[in-house]
């Protein structure tokens, strides 16, 4: 097993091959909120999606959801915050127009029973 790609993905190793991947920026926010932006080509038609979920209770959970949703067409950013209902999380995703609730559930794969998409709305 080569550690170089792993260390590179964690940002612990700066190599030219790391710079070929999209740049990921993490913004320091309060504990109840985190945001990740991935540099992607600009699209003329993008939407903001408000996703209400349950089960996203820690940084590891956020990482899984982020990794699942970043494959959406035209993905720009994702932001996590406490939801308005107890036990829910408000996830804001900016991506290309046309992403559906069904695509969000499918993107979560086997974990769709753990990270439940309760509501999915485009703004």
Protein backbone atom coordinates (compact mmCIF):
# COMPACT_ATOMS: atom_id res chain seq x y z
CA UNK A 1 0.00 0.00 0.00
CA UNK A 2 1.37 3.38 -0.96
CA UNK A 3 0.98 6.06 1.69
CA UNK A 4 1.71 8.95 -0.65
CA UNK A 5 -1.84 9.27 -2.11
CA UNK A 6 -3.34 8.85 1.37
CA UNK A 7 -1.08 11.47 2.95
CA UNK A 8 -1.66 13.73 -0.02
CA UNK A 9 -5.44 13.48 0.33
CA UNK A 10 -5.16 14.42 4.01
CA UNK A 11 -3.07 17.46 3.11
CA UNK A 12 -0.06 16.06 4.97
CA UNK A 13 2.08 15.81 1.90
CA UNK A 14 2.42 18.47 -0.78
CA UNK A 15 3.32 16.92 -4.12
CA UNK A 16 2.72 18.01 -7.67
CA UNK A 17 0.24 15.13 -8.05
CA UNK A 18 -1.83 16.57 -5.18
CA UNK A 19 -2.14 19.86 -7.00
CA UNK A 20 -3.78 18.14 -9.98
CA UNK A 21 -6.87 17.38 -7.87
CA UNK A 22 -9.55 20.04 -7.21
CA UNK A 23 -8.57 22.33 -4.37
CA UNK A 24 -10.60 21.84 -1.19
CA UNK A 25 -11.02 24.77 1.15
CA UNK A 26 -12.27 24.31 4.70
CA UNK A 27 -13.63 27.34 6.44
CA UNK A 28 -13.44 27.59 10.22
CA UNK A 29 -16.96 27.86 11.58
CA UNK A 30 -18.73 27.16 14.89
CA UNK A 31 -18.92 23.53 16.02
CA UNK A 32 -22.50 23.21 14.76
CA UNK A 33 -21.58 24.35 11.30
CA UNK A 34 -18.96 23.40 8.72
CA UNK A 35 -18.44 24.20 5.08
CA UNK A 36 -16.41 22.76 2.22
CA UNK A 37 -15.94 24.27 -1.19
CA UNK A 38 -14.43 22.48 -4.16
CA UNK A 39 -13.14 24.49 -7.08
CA UNK A 40 -15.17 23.37 -10.07
CA UNK A 41 -15.84 24.75 -13.52
CA UNK A 42 -18.52 27.46 -13.44
CA UNK A 43 -21.92 26.43 -14.72
CA UNK A 44 -24.45 28.83 -16.11
CA UNK A 45 -27.30 27.11 -14.28
CA UNK A 46 -26.69 26.32 -10.64
CA UNK A 47 -29.07 25.95 -7.73
CA UNK A 48 -28.96 26.03 -3.97
CA UNK A 49 -30.51 22.94 -2.39
CA UNK A 50 -31.74 22.88 1.19
CA UNK A 51 -31.60 19.32 2.52
CA UNK A 52 -33.03 18.34 5.90
CA UNK A 53 -31.35 15.18 7.19
CA UNK A 54 -31.09 13.05 10.29
CA UNK A 55 -28.12 10.98 11.44
CA UNK A 56 -25.37 13.51 10.65
CA UNK A 57 -24.09 13.76 14.22
CA UNK A 58 -20.31 14.21 13.94
CA UNK A 59 -17.46 15.26 11.68
CA UNK A 60 -17.13 11.74 10.31
CA UNK A 61 -20.81 11.75 9.34
CA UNK A 62 -20.37 15.12 7.65
CA UNK A 63 -17.35 13.80 5.80
CA UNK A 64 -19.35 10.85 4.45
CA UNK A 65 -22.25 13.05 3.30
CA UNK A 66 -19.81 15.59 1.80
CA UNK A 67 -18.05 12.82 -0.12
CA UNK A 68 -21.36 11.49 -1.40
CA UNK A 69 -22.79 14.82 -2.49
CA UNK A 70 -19.60 16.20 -4.05
CA UNK A 71 -20.23 13.94 -7.04
CA UNK A 72 -23.33 15.93 -7.99
CA UNK A 73 -23.07 17.56 -11.41
CA UNK A 74 -21.58 21.05 -11.02
CA UNK A 75 -20.92 20.67 -7.27
CA UNK A 76 -19.68 23.94 -5.72
CA UNK A 77 -20.09 23.73 -1.94
CA UNK A 78 -21.77 22.10 1.03
CA UNK A 79 -22.56 23.58 4.43
CA UNK A 80 -23.84 21.84 7.58
CA UNK A 81 -25.85 23.44 10.39
CA UNK A 82 -28.31 22.36 13.08
CA UNK A 83 -31.80 21.85 11.68
CA UNK A 84 -34.92 23.57 12.91
CA UNK A 85 -36.38 20.32 14.28
CA UNK A 86 -34.68 18.41 17.10
CA UNK A 87 -32.31 15.77 15.74
CA UNK A 88 -32.13 17.21 12.23
CA UNK A 89 -29.33 18.83 10.31
CA UNK A 90 -29.73 21.51 7.65
CA UNK A 91 -27.43 20.82 4.74
CA UNK A 92 -27.04 23.49 2.05
CA UNK A 93 -25.59 22.29 -1.25
CA UNK A 94 -24.75 24.42 -4.27
CA UNK A 95 -24.64 22.38 -7.48
CA UNK A 96 -26.00 22.33 -11.01
CA UNK A 97 -29.75 22.62 -11.56
CA UNK A 98 -31.74 19.43 -11.74
CA UNK A 99 -30.44 17.47 -8.73
CA UNK A 100 -33.30 15.50 -7.17
CA UNK A 101 -34.06 13.99 -3.77
CA UNK A 102 -33.78 10.55 -5.36
CA UNK A 103 -30.25 11.38 -6.57
CA UNK A 104 -29.30 12.57 -3.08
CA UNK A 105 -30.56 9.32 -1.54
CA UNK A 106 -28.82 7.23 -4.21
CA UNK A 107 -25.55 9.15 -3.64
CA UNK A 108 -25.59 8.07 0.03
CA UNK A 109 -25.59 4.42 -1.04
CA UNK A 110 -25.72 1.86 1.78
CA UNK A 111 -25.72 4.66 4.37
CA UNK A 112 -29.05 6.08 3.14
CA UNK A 113 -30.71 4.31 6.09
CA UNK A 114 -28.32 6.03 8.51
CA UNK A 115 -28.22 9.48 6.92
CA UNK A 116 -31.89 9.99 6.09
CA UNK A 117 -32.93 12.70 3.65
CA UNK A 118 -36.21 13.97 5.11
CA UNK A 119 -36.69 16.99 2.87
CA UNK A 120 -34.99 18.21 -0.30
CA UNK A 121 -35.85 21.59 -1.80
CA UNK A 122 -34.30 23.75 -4.49
CA UNK A 123 -34.09 27.50 -3.89
